Amino acid sequence: MVRREYGMLFVLILVFAPISGAHMNPIVTIAALFSHSLGCKAAAGYIVAQVTGAVTARTSNTGT
């Protein structure tokens, strides 16, 4: 049985793939950087956005 979270992630990837290349996780960005399909400047921007989003989500969920 597929958990709801995986389904939601799948939908997010499908929706945002044309915009961001489905970079939902920094490891995807790092892999793209090492495979030379993404430049250093773009990778840095993606990673900063991903970490900022994660911190914002964590902060909004805990209220701290």
N, C-alpha and C. Protein backbone atom coordinates (compact mmCIF):
# COMPACT_ATOMS: atom_id res chain seq x y z
N MET A 1 0.84 -1.18 0.00
CA MET A 1 0.00 0.00 0.00
C MET A 1 0.89 1.24 0.00
N VAL A 2 0.57 2.18 -0.87
CA VAL A 2 1.34 3.41 -0.96
C VAL A 2 0.81 4.40 0.07
N ARG A 3 1.69 4.95 0.83
CA ARG A 3 1.28 5.91 1.84
C ARG A 3 0.91 7.23 1.19
N ARG A 4 0.06 7.96 1.85
CA ARG A 4 -0.43 9.24 1.33
C ARG A 4 0.70 10.21 1.08
N GLU A 5 1.72 10.21 1.93
CA GLU A 5 2.84 11.14 1.76
C GLU A 5 3.58 10.91 0.46
N TYR A 6 3.74 9.64 0.08
CA TYR A 6 4.42 9.35 -1.18
C TYR A 6 3.59 9.83 -2.36
N GLY A 7 2.28 9.68 -2.25
CA GLY A 7 1.39 10.17 -3.29
C GLY A 7 1.47 11.68 -3.43
N MET A 8 1.52 12.37 -2.28
CA MET A 8 1.63 13.83 -2.30
C MET A 8 2.95 14.26 -2.90
N LEU A 9 4.03 13.57 -2.56
CA LEU A 9 5.34 13.88 -3.13
C LEU A 9 5.33 13.67 -4.64
N PHE A 10 4.71 12.59 -5.07
CA PHE A 10 4.62 12.30 -6.49
C PHE A 10 3.90 13.42 -7.23
N VAL A 11 2.80 13.91 -6.66
CA VAL A 11 2.05 15.00 -7.27
C VAL A 11 2.90 16.27 -7.31
N LEU A 12 3.60 16.56 -6.22
CA LEU A 12 4.47 17.74 -6.19
C LEU A 12 5.55 17.66 -7.27
N ILE A 13 6.13 16.50 -7.43
CA ILE A 13 7.17 16.33 -8.45
C ILE A 13 6.59 16.55 -9.84
N LEU A 14 5.41 15.99 -10.09
CA LEU A 14 4.78 16.17 -11.40
C LEU A 14 4.45 17.63 -11.67
N VAL A 15 3.98 18.33 -10.64
CA VAL A 15 3.57 19.73 -10.82
C VAL A 15 4.78 20.64 -11.01
N PHE A 16 5.81 20.45 -10.21
CA PHE A 16 6.94 21.37 -10.23
C PHE A 16 8.10 20.95 -11.13
N ALA A 17 8.06 19.77 -11.72
CA ALA A 17 9.15 19.33 -12.58
C ALA A 17 9.40 20.26 -13.75
N PRO A 18 8.36 20.77 -14.42
CA PRO A 18 8.64 21.69 -15.53
C PRO A 18 9.27 23.01 -15.08
N ILE A 19 9.03 23.40 -13.83
CA ILE A 19 9.53 24.68 -13.32
C ILE A 19 10.93 24.54 -12.75
N SER A 20 11.11 23.56 -11.85
CA SER A 20 12.37 23.46 -11.11
C SER A 20 13.18 22.21 -11.43
N GLY A 21 12.69 21.37 -12.31
CA GLY A 21 13.39 20.12 -12.55
C GLY A 21 13.16 19.12 -11.44
N ALA A 22 12.13 19.33 -10.63
CA ALA A 22 11.75 18.45 -9.51
C ALA A 22 12.83 18.37 -8.44
N HIS A 23 13.48 19.46 -8.18
CA HIS A 23 14.50 19.50 -7.13
C HIS A 23 13.82 19.68 -5.77
N MET A 24 13.27 18.59 -5.24
CA MET A 24 12.56 18.64 -3.96
C MET A 24 13.49 18.34 -2.79
N ASN A 25 14.66 17.87 -3.08
CA ASN A 25 15.59 17.45 -2.06
C ASN A 25 16.98 17.90 -2.47
N PRO A 26 17.78 18.42 -1.54
CA PRO A 26 19.12 18.87 -1.91
C PRO A 26 19.98 17.79 -2.57
N ILE A 27 19.75 16.53 -2.26
CA ILE A 27 20.58 15.49 -2.86
C ILE A 27 20.33 15.38 -4.36
N VAL A 28 19.10 15.67 -4.82
CA VAL A 28 18.81 15.69 -6.25
C VAL A 28 19.61 16.81 -6.91
N THR A 29 19.65 17.95 -6.27
CA THR A 29 20.40 19.09 -6.78
C THR A 29 21.89 18.79 -6.83
N ILE A 30 22.41 18.18 -5.78
CA ILE A 30 23.83 17.84 -5.73
C ILE A 30 24.18 16.81 -6.81
N ALA A 31 23.29 15.84 -7.03
CA ALA A 31 23.52 14.84 -8.08
C ALA A 31 23.53 15.52 -9.45
N ALA A 32 22.61 16.46 -9.67
CA ALA A 32 22.58 17.18 -10.95
C ALA A 32 23.84 18.02 -11.13
N LEU A 33 24.33 18.58 -10.04
CA LEU A 33 25.57 19.36 -10.09
C LEU A 33 26.75 18.47 -10.48
N PHE A 34 26.86 17.30 -9.85
CA PHE A 34 27.97 16.41 -10.14
C PHE A 34 27.87 15.79 -11.53
N SER A 35 26.66 15.67 -12.06
CA SER A 35 26.51 15.12 -13.41
C SER A 35 26.61 16.20 -14.47
N HIS A 36 26.93 17.41 -14.05
CA HIS A 36 27.13 18.56 -14.93
C HIS A 36 25.87 18.96 -15.70
N SER A 37 24.69 18.61 -15.18
CA SER A 37 23.45 19.05 -15.83
C SER A 37 22.90 20.30 -15.17
N LEU A 38 23.62 20.81 -14.16
CA LEU A 38 23.22 22.02 -13.44
C LEU A 38 24.49 22.78 -13.07
N GLY A 39 24.48 24.08 -13.25
CA GLY A 39 25.64 24.90 -12.92
C GLY A 39 25.74 25.17 -11.43
N CYS A 40 26.91 25.62 -11.00
CA CYS A 40 27.15 25.89 -9.58
C CYS A 40 26.23 26.98 -9.03
N LYS A 41 26.04 28.04 -9.80
CA LYS A 41 25.21 29.14 -9.33
C LYS A 41 23.76 28.70 -9.16
N ALA A 42 23.23 27.96 -10.12
CA ALA A 42 21.86 27.46 -10.03
C ALA A 42 21.72 26.47 -8.88
N ALA A 43 22.70 25.59 -8.71
CA ALA A 43 22.65 24.61 -7.63
C ALA A 43 22.64 25.31 -6.27
N ALA A 44 23.46 26.32 -6.12
CA ALA A 44 23.48 27.06 -4.85
C ALA A 44 22.13 27.71 -4.58
N GLY A 45 21.50 28.26 -5.61
CA GLY A 45 20.18 28.86 -5.44
C GLY A 45 19.14 27.85 -5.03
N TYR A 46 19.15 26.68 -5.68
CA TYR A 46 18.21 25.62 -5.32
C TYR A 46 18.41 25.17 -3.87
N ILE A 47 19.66 24.95 -3.48
CA ILE A 47 19.94 24.46 -2.13
C ILE A 47 19.52 25.47 -1.08
N VAL A 48 19.81 26.75 -1.33
CA VAL A 48 19.38 27.79 -0.38
C VAL A 48 17.86 27.80 -0.27
N ALA A 49 17.17 27.70 -1.38
CA ALA A 49 15.70 27.69 -1.36
C ALA A 49 15.16 26.45 -0.64
N GLN A 50 15.78 25.30 -0.86
CA GLN A 50 15.33 24.07 -0.22
C GLN A 50 15.52 24.12 1.29
N VAL A 51 16.66 24.58 1.72
CA VAL A 51 16.94 24.66 3.16
C VAL A 51 16.04 25.71 3.81
N THR A 52 15.85 26.84 3.14
CA THR A 52 14.96 27.88 3.67
C THR A 52 13.53 27.34 3.79
N GLY A 53 13.07 26.62 2.79
CA GLY A 53 11.73 26.04 2.84
C GLY A 53 11.60 25.02 3.96
N ALA A 54 12.62 24.20 4.16
CA ALA A 54 12.58 23.20 5.22
C ALA A 54 12.56 23.85 6.60
N VAL A 55 13.38 24.87 6.79
CA VAL A 55 13.42 25.56 8.08
C VAL A 55 12.09 26.28 8.34
N THR A 56 11.54 26.91 7.31
CA THR A 56 10.27 27.60 7.45
C THR A 56 9.15 26.61 7.79
N ALA A 57 9.12 25.48 7.12
CA ALA A 57 8.10 24.47 7.40
C ALA A 57 8.24 23.93 8.82
N ARG A 58 9.45 23.66 9.22
CA ARG A 58 9.68 23.14 10.58
C ARG A 58 9.27 24.16 11.62
N THR A 59 9.61 25.41 11.39
CA THR A 59 9.28 26.47 12.35
C THR A 59 7.77 26.67 12.42
N SER A 60 7.10 26.65 11.29
CA SER A 60 5.66 26.87 11.29
C SER A 60 4.90 25.68 11.90
N ASN A 61 5.47 24.49 11.83
CA ASN A 61 4.82 23.32 12.41
C ASN A 61 5.00 23.26 13.91
N THR A 62 6.10 23.76 14.43
CA THR A 62 6.33 23.68 15.87
C THR A 62 5.96 24.95 16.60
N GLY A 63 5.84 26.05 15.88
CA GLY A 63 5.48 27.30 16.51
C GLY A 63 6.62 27.95 17.26
N THR A 64 7.86 27.52 17.01
CA THR A 64 9.00 28.13 17.69
C THR A 64 9.83 28.92 16.73
